[in-house]
Amino acid sequence: MKETETKVGEVITKSSTPKLESEYNDEDLKKLSLNFKAINFLHCALNENDYMKITNCKTAKEIWDKLE
């Protein structure tokens, strides 16, 4: 993701825009692969109640944070 900083008054806000698939490099593809593997592992390891809590999470980090 590309991060851009915007100053609004004295507050700096950061927004990130997703990369296009054509902009992915080998490192990005490796990170995506590891994220999908981690998500799959977490989905398989959870019971039904915990699984329902994390069904809308997009990354393994989100899932992990929500379960803590």
PDB file of N, CA and C in Angstrom:
ATOM      1  N   MET A   1       0.828  -1.175   0.000  1.00  0.00           N
ATOM      2  CA  MET A   1       0.000   0.000   0.000  1.00  0.00           C
ATOM      3  C   MET A   1       0.870   1.235   0.000  1.00  0.00           C
ATOM      4  N   LYS A   2       0.400   2.225  -0.665  1.00  0.00           N
ATOM      5  CA  LYS A   2       1.096   3.500  -0.688  1.00  0.00           C
ATOM      6  C   LYS A   2       0.489   4.385   0.397  1.00  0.00           C
ATOM      7  N   GLU A   3       1.338   4.968   1.225  1.00  0.00           N
ATOM      8  CA  GLU A   3       0.844   5.862   2.260  1.00  0.00           C
ATOM      9  C   GLU A   3       1.065   7.297   1.840  1.00  0.00           C
ATOM     10  N   THR A   4       0.065   8.103   2.070  1.00  0.00           N
ATOM     11  CA  THR A   4       0.179   9.521   1.795  1.00  0.00           C
ATOM     12  C   THR A   4      -0.199  10.277   3.061  1.00  0.00           C
ATOM     13  N   GLU A   5       0.500  11.347   3.322  1.00  0.00           N
ATOM     14  CA  GLU A   5       0.202  12.170   4.484  1.00  0.00           C
ATOM     15  C   GLU A   5      -0.496  13.436   4.032  1.00  0.00           C
ATOM     16  N   THR A   6      -1.538  13.787   4.761  1.00  0.00           N
ATOM     17  CA  THR A   6      -2.277  14.993   4.466  1.00  0.00           C
ATOM     18  C   THR A   6      -2.380  15.800   5.747  1.00  0.00           C
ATOM     19  N   LYS A   7      -2.019  17.083   5.683  1.00  0.00           N
ATOM     20  CA  LYS A   7      -2.141  17.936   6.856  1.00  0.00           C
ATOM     21  C   LYS A   7      -3.492  18.623   6.824  1.00  0.00           C
ATOM     22  N   VAL A   8      -4.241  18.427   7.889  1.00  0.00           N
ATOM     23  CA  VAL A   8      -5.532  19.081   8.029  1.00  0.00           C
ATOM     24  C   VAL A   8      -5.423  19.917   9.295  1.00  0.00           C
ATOM     25  N   GLY A   9      -5.292  21.215   9.143  1.00  0.00           N
ATOM     26  CA  GLY A   9      -5.004  22.056  10.300  1.00  0.00           C
ATOM     27  C   GLY A   9      -3.630  21.671  10.817  1.00  0.00           C
ATOM     28  N   GLU A  10      -3.550  21.239  12.069  1.00  0.00           N
ATOM     29  CA  GLU A  10      -2.285  20.782  12.612  1.00  0.00           C
ATOM     30  C   GLU A  10      -2.267  19.269  12.775  1.00  0.00           C
ATOM     31  N   VAL A  11      -3.298  18.603  12.342  1.00  0.00           N
ATOM     32  CA  VAL A  11      -3.379  17.153  12.460  1.00  0.00           C
ATOM     33  C   VAL A  11      -2.904  16.516  11.166  1.00  0.00           C
ATOM     34  N   ILE A  12      -2.032  15.545  11.275  1.00  0.00           N
ATOM     35  CA  ILE A  12      -1.564  14.824  10.098  1.00  0.00           C
ATOM     36  C   ILE A  12      -2.325  13.518  10.019  1.00  0.00           C
ATOM     37  N   THR A  13      -2.996  13.311   8.913  1.00  0.00           N
ATOM     38  CA  THR A  13      -3.717  12.065   8.717  1.00  0.00           C
ATOM     39  C   THR A  13      -2.984  11.248   7.671  1.00  0.00           C
ATOM     40  N   LYS A  14      -2.931   9.955   7.894  1.00  0.00           N
ATOM     41  CA  LYS A  14      -2.305   9.067   6.920  1.00  0.00           C
ATOM     42  C   LYS A  14      -3.392   8.227   6.279  1.00  0.00           C
ATOM     43  N   SER A  15      -3.365   8.178   4.978  1.00  0.00           N
ATOM     44  CA  SER A  15      -4.294   7.313   4.276  1.00  0.00           C
ATOM     45  C   SER A  15      -3.478   6.413   3.366  1.00  0.00           C
ATOM     46  N   SER A  16      -3.928   5.209   3.215  1.00  0.00           N
ATOM     47  CA  SER A  16      -3.191   4.300   2.347  1.00  0.00           C
ATOM     48  C   SER A  16      -4.109   3.830   1.231  1.00  0.00           C
ATOM     49  N   THR A  17      -3.547   3.789   0.055  1.00  0.00           N
ATOM     50  CA  THR A  17      -4.298   3.317  -1.093  1.00  0.00           C
ATOM     51  C   THR A  17      -3.701   1.979  -1.523  1.00  0.00           C
ATOM     52  N   PRO A  18      -4.530   1.012  -1.803  1.00  0.00           N
ATOM     53  CA  PRO A  18      -4.004  -0.292  -2.200  1.00  0.00           C
ATOM     54  C   PRO A  18      -3.254  -0.222  -3.525  1.00  0.00           C
ATOM     55  N   LYS A  19      -2.253  -1.087  -3.641  1.00  0.00           N
ATOM     56  CA  LYS A  19      -1.509  -1.176  -4.902  1.00  0.00           C
ATOM     57  C   LYS A  19      -2.359  -1.896  -5.933  1.00  0.00           C
ATOM     58  N   LEU A  20      -2.099  -1.601  -7.170  1.00  0.00           N
ATOM     59  CA  LEU A  20      -2.707  -2.362  -8.247  1.00  0.00           C
ATOM     60  C   LEU A  20      -1.953  -3.683  -8.364  1.00  0.00           C
ATOM     61  N   GLU A  21      -2.612  -4.712  -8.864  1.00  0.00           N
ATOM     62  CA  GLU A  21      -1.943  -6.009  -9.011  1.00  0.00           C
ATOM     63  C   GLU A  21      -0.703  -5.903  -9.885  1.00  0.00           C
ATOM     64  N   SER A  22      -0.732  -5.025 -10.855  1.00  0.00           N
ATOM     65  CA  SER A  22       0.425  -4.867 -11.745  1.00  0.00           C
ATOM     66  C   SER A  22       1.629  -4.250 -11.028  1.00  0.00           C
ATOM     67  N   GLU A  23       1.403  -3.625  -9.861  1.00  0.00           N
ATOM     68  CA  GLU A  23       2.483  -3.006  -9.101  1.00  0.00           C
ATOM     69  C   GLU A  23       3.102  -3.941  -8.068  1.00  0.00           C
ATOM     70  N   TYR A  24       2.560  -5.145  -7.889  1.00  0.00           N
ATOM     71  CA  TYR A  24       3.079  -6.091  -6.901  1.00  0.00           C
ATOM     72  C   TYR A  24       4.454  -6.577  -7.312  1.00  0.00           C
ATOM     73  N   ASN A  25       5.340  -6.679  -6.336  1.00  0.00           N
ATOM     74  CA  ASN A  25       6.646  -7.268  -6.587  1.00  0.00           C
ATOM     75  C   ASN A  25       6.715  -8.620  -5.867  1.00  0.00           C
ATOM     76  N   ASP A  26       7.851  -9.301  -5.929  1.00  0.00           N
ATOM     77  CA  ASP A  26       7.973 -10.625  -5.324  1.00  0.00           C
ATOM     78  C   ASP A  26       7.754 -10.589  -3.814  1.00  0.00           C
ATOM     79  N   GLU A  27       8.224  -9.543  -3.172  1.00  0.00           N
ATOM     80  CA  GLU A  27       8.051  -9.429  -1.720  1.00  0.00           C
ATOM     81  C   GLU A  27       6.577  -9.289  -1.355  1.00  0.00           C
ATOM     82  N   ASP A  28       5.833  -8.495  -2.117  1.00  0.00           N
ATOM     83  CA  ASP A  28       4.402  -8.331  -1.870  1.00  0.00           C
ATOM     84  C   ASP A  28       3.664  -9.656  -2.038  1.00  0.00           C
ATOM     85  N   LEU A  29       4.012 -10.409  -3.069  1.00  0.00           N
ATOM     86  CA  LEU A  29       3.356 -11.690  -3.308  1.00  0.00           C
ATOM     87  C   LEU A  29       3.667 -12.682  -2.197  1.00  0.00           C
ATOM     88  N   LYS A  30       4.887 -12.638  -1.671  1.00  0.00           N
ATOM     89  CA  LYS A  30       5.252 -13.527  -0.562  1.00  0.00           C
ATOM     90  C   LYS A  30       4.444 -13.175   0.687  1.00  0.00           C
ATOM     91  N   LYS A  31       4.299 -11.869   0.965  1.00  0.00           N
ATOM     92  CA  LYS A  31       3.518 -11.431   2.125  1.00  0.00           C
ATOM     93  C   LYS A  31       2.056 -11.845   1.986  1.00  0.00           C
ATOM     94  N   LEU A  32       1.503 -11.708   0.785  1.00  0.00           N
ATOM     95  CA  LEU A  32       0.120 -12.123   0.549  1.00  0.00           C
ATOM     96  C   LEU A  32      -0.058 -13.612   0.797  1.00  0.00           C
ATOM     97  N   SER A  33       0.875 -14.398   0.304  1.00  0.00           N
ATOM     98  CA  SER A  33       0.812 -15.836   0.472  1.00  0.00           C
ATOM     99  C   SER A  33       0.866 -16.215   1.949  1.00  0.00           C
ATOM    100  N   LEU A  34       1.769 -15.598   2.692  1.00  0.00           N
ATOM    101  CA  LEU A  34       1.881 -15.893   4.126  1.00  0.00           C
ATOM    102  C   LEU A  34       0.622 -15.467   4.873  1.00  0.00           C
ATOM    103  N   ASN A  35       0.036 -14.341   4.477  1.00  0.00           N
ATOM    104  CA  ASN A  35      -1.196 -13.882   5.120  1.00  0.00           C
ATOM    105  C   ASN A  35      -2.335 -14.869   4.879  1.00  0.00           C
ATOM    106  N   PHE A  36      -2.481 -15.357   3.646  1.00  0.00           N
ATOM    107  CA  PHE A  36      -3.541 -16.321   3.347  1.00  0.00           C
ATOM    108  C   PHE A  36      -3.336 -17.623   4.113  1.00  0.00           C
ATOM    109  N   LYS A  37      -2.087 -18.065   4.239  1.00  0.00           N
ATOM    110  CA  LYS A  37      -1.800 -19.285   4.994  1.00  0.00           C
ATOM    111  C   LYS A  37      -2.140 -19.108   6.469  1.00  0.00           C
ATOM    112  N   ALA A  38      -1.786 -17.959   7.027  1.00  0.00           N
ATOM    113  CA  ALA A  38      -2.081 -17.687   8.434  1.00  0.00           C
ATOM    114  C   ALA A  38      -3.583 -17.615   8.673  1.00  0.00           C
ATOM    115  N   ILE A  39      -4.302 -16.967   7.779  1.00  0.00           N
ATOM    116  CA  ILE A  39      -5.758 -16.878   7.907  1.00  0.00           C
ATOM    117  C   ILE A  39      -6.375 -18.277   7.853  1.00  0.00           C
ATOM    118  N   ASN A  40      -5.928 -19.097   6.924  1.00  0.00           N
ATOM    119  CA  ASN A  40      -6.447 -20.448   6.806  1.00  0.00           C
ATOM    120  C   ASN A  40      -6.180 -21.250   8.075  1.00  0.00           C
ATOM    121  N   PHE A  41      -4.973 -21.140   8.609  1.00  0.00           N
ATOM    122  CA  PHE A  41      -4.621 -21.834   9.836  1.00  0.00           C
ATOM    123  C   PHE A  41      -5.530 -21.406  10.979  1.00  0.00           C
ATOM    124  N   LEU A  42      -5.738 -20.100  11.128  1.00  0.00           N
ATOM    125  CA  LEU A  42      -6.595 -19.592  12.206  1.00  0.00           C
ATOM    126  C   LEU A  42      -8.044 -20.048  12.030  1.00  0.00           C
ATOM    127  N   HIS A  43      -8.552 -20.018  10.810  1.00  0.00           N
ATOM    128  CA  HIS A  43      -9.923 -20.475  10.562  1.00  0.00           C
ATOM    129  C   HIS A  43     -10.093 -21.936  10.964  1.00  0.00           C
ATOM    130  N   CYS A  44      -9.106 -22.757  10.644  1.00  0.00           N
ATOM    131  CA  CYS A  44      -9.187 -24.186  10.948  1.00  0.00           C
ATOM    132  C   CYS A  44      -9.061 -24.469  12.441  1.00  0.00           C
ATOM    133  N   ALA A  45      -8.373 -23.612  13.167  1.00  0.00           N
ATOM    134  CA  ALA A  45      -8.091 -23.866  14.580  1.00  0.00           C
ATOM    135  C   ALA A  45      -9.185 -23.359  15.523  1.00  0.00           C
ATOM    136  N   LEU A  46     -10.083 -22.540  15.027  1.00  0.00           N
ATOM    137  CA  LEU A  46     -11.063 -21.905  15.907  1.00  0.00           C
ATOM    138  C   LEU A  46     -12.341 -22.711  16.055  1.00  0.00           C
ATOM    139  N   ASN A  47     -12.962 -22.542  17.220  1.00  0.00           N
ATOM    140  CA  ASN A  47     -14.285 -23.146  17.402  1.00  0.00           C
ATOM    141  C   ASN A  47     -15.334 -22.254  16.741  1.00  0.00           C
ATOM    142  N   GLU A  48     -16.550 -22.717  16.719  1.00  0.00           N
ATOM    143  CA  GLU A  48     -17.619 -22.026  15.983  1.00  0.00           C
ATOM    144  C   GLU A  48     -17.871 -20.609  16.500  1.00  0.00           C
ATOM    145  N   ASN A  49     -17.860 -20.424  17.816  1.00  0.00           N
ATOM    146  CA  ASN A  49     -18.133 -19.095  18.382  1.00  0.00           C
ATOM    147  C   ASN A  49     -17.038 -18.100  18.021  1.00  0.00           C
ATOM    148  N   ASP A  50     -15.776 -18.509  18.156  1.00  0.00           N
ATOM    149  CA  ASP A  50     -14.674 -17.610  17.812  1.00  0.00           C
ATOM    150  C   ASP A  50     -14.631 -17.346  16.314  1.00  0.00           C
ATOM    151  N   TYR A  51     -14.936 -18.357  15.528  1.00  0.00           N
ATOM    152  CA  TYR A  51     -14.937 -18.186  14.075  1.00  0.00           C
ATOM    153  C   TYR A  51     -15.933 -17.110  13.658  1.00  0.00           C
ATOM    154  N   MET A  52     -17.091 -17.094  14.281  1.00  0.00           N
ATOM    155  CA  MET A  52     -18.112 -16.102  13.937  1.00  0.00           C
ATOM    156  C   MET A  52     -17.650 -14.676  14.258  1.00  0.00           C
ATOM    157  N   LYS A  53     -16.771 -14.534  15.251  1.00  0.00           N
ATOM    158  CA  LYS A  53     -16.264 -13.205  15.625  1.00  0.00           C
ATOM    159  C   LYS A  53     -15.333 -12.628  14.562  1.00  0.00           C
ATOM    160  N   ILE A  54     -14.669 -13.488  13.814  1.00  0.00           N
ATOM    161  CA  ILE A  54     -13.600 -13.015  12.932  1.00  0.00           C
ATOM    162  C   ILE A  54     -13.913 -13.191  11.439  1.00  0.00           C
ATOM    163  N   THR A  55     -15.127 -13.550  11.105  1.00  0.00           N
ATOM    164  CA  THR A  55     -15.441 -13.835   9.704  1.00  0.00           C
ATOM    165  C   THR A  55     -15.252 -12.640   8.775  1.00  0.00           C
ATOM    166  N   ASN A  56     -15.341 -11.416   9.287  1.00  0.00           N
ATOM    167  CA  ASN A  56     -15.209 -10.234   8.433  1.00  0.00           C
ATOM    168  C   ASN A  56     -13.799  -9.671   8.382  1.00  0.00           C
ATOM    169  N   CYS A  57     -12.865 -10.262   9.106  1.00  0.00           N
ATOM    170  CA  CYS A  57     -11.484  -9.763   9.130  1.00  0.00           C
ATOM    171  C   CYS A  57     -10.790 -10.069   7.804  1.00  0.00           C
ATOM    172  N   LYS A  58      -9.971  -9.141   7.360  1.00  0.00           N
ATOM    173  CA  LYS A  58      -9.282  -9.272   6.076  1.00  0.00           C
ATOM    174  C   LYS A  58      -7.837  -9.751   6.206  1.00  0.00           C
ATOM    175  N   THR A  59      -7.224  -9.558   7.381  1.00  0.00           N
ATOM    176  CA  THR A  59      -5.832  -9.967   7.554  1.00  0.00           C
ATOM    177  C   THR A  59      -5.687 -10.823   8.801  1.00  0.00           C
ATOM    178  N   ALA A  60      -4.600 -11.586   8.839  1.00  0.00           N
ATOM    179  CA  ALA A  60      -4.315 -12.417  10.004  1.00  0.00           C
ATOM    180  C   ALA A  60      -4.099 -11.540  11.237  1.00  0.00           C
ATOM    181  N   LYS A  61      -3.505 -10.371  11.059  1.00  0.00           N
ATOM    182  CA  LYS A  61      -3.283  -9.442  12.169  1.00  0.00           C
ATOM    183  C   LYS A  61      -4.605  -8.990  12.777  1.00  0.00           C
ATOM    184  N   GLU A  62      -5.582  -8.682  11.932  1.00  0.00           N
ATOM    185  CA  GLU A  62      -6.906  -8.297  12.420  1.00  0.00           C
ATOM    186  C   GLU A  62      -7.529  -9.413  13.244  1.00  0.00           C
ATOM    187  N   ILE A  63      -7.425 -10.638  12.734  1.00  0.00           N
ATOM    188  CA  ILE A  63      -7.979 -11.800  13.432  1.00  0.00           C
ATOM    189  C   ILE A  63      -7.307 -11.949  14.794  1.00  0.00           C
ATOM    190  N   TRP A  64      -5.979 -11.899  14.806  1.00  0.00           N
ATOM    191  CA  TRP A  64      -5.227 -12.069  16.037  1.00  0.00           C
ATOM    192  C   TRP A  64      -5.607 -11.005  17.062  1.00  0.00           C
ATOM    193  N   ASP A  65      -5.703  -9.743  16.630  1.00  0.00           N
ATOM    194  CA  ASP A  65      -6.062  -8.648  17.532  1.00  0.00           C
ATOM    195  C   ASP A  65      -7.466  -8.821  18.094  1.00  0.00           C
ATOM    196  N   LYS A  66      -8.380  -9.273  17.264  1.00  0.00           N
ATOM    197  CA  LYS A  66      -9.764  -9.448  17.703  1.00  0.00           C
ATOM    198  C   LYS A  66      -9.887 -10.595  18.709  1.00  0.00           C
ATOM    199  N   LEU A  67      -9.078 -11.619  18.568  1.00  0.00           N
ATOM    200  CA  LEU A  67      -9.141 -12.761  19.469  1.00  0.00           C
ATOM    201  C   LEU A  67      -8.470 -12.489  20.816  1.00  0.00           C
ATOM    202  N   GLU A  68      -7.555 -11.529  20.862  1.00  0.00           N
ATOM    203  CA  GLU A  68      -6.855 -11.244  22.118  1.00  0.00           C
ATOM    204  C   GLU A  68      -7.731 -10.594  23.124  1.00  0.00           C
TER     205      GLU A  68
END
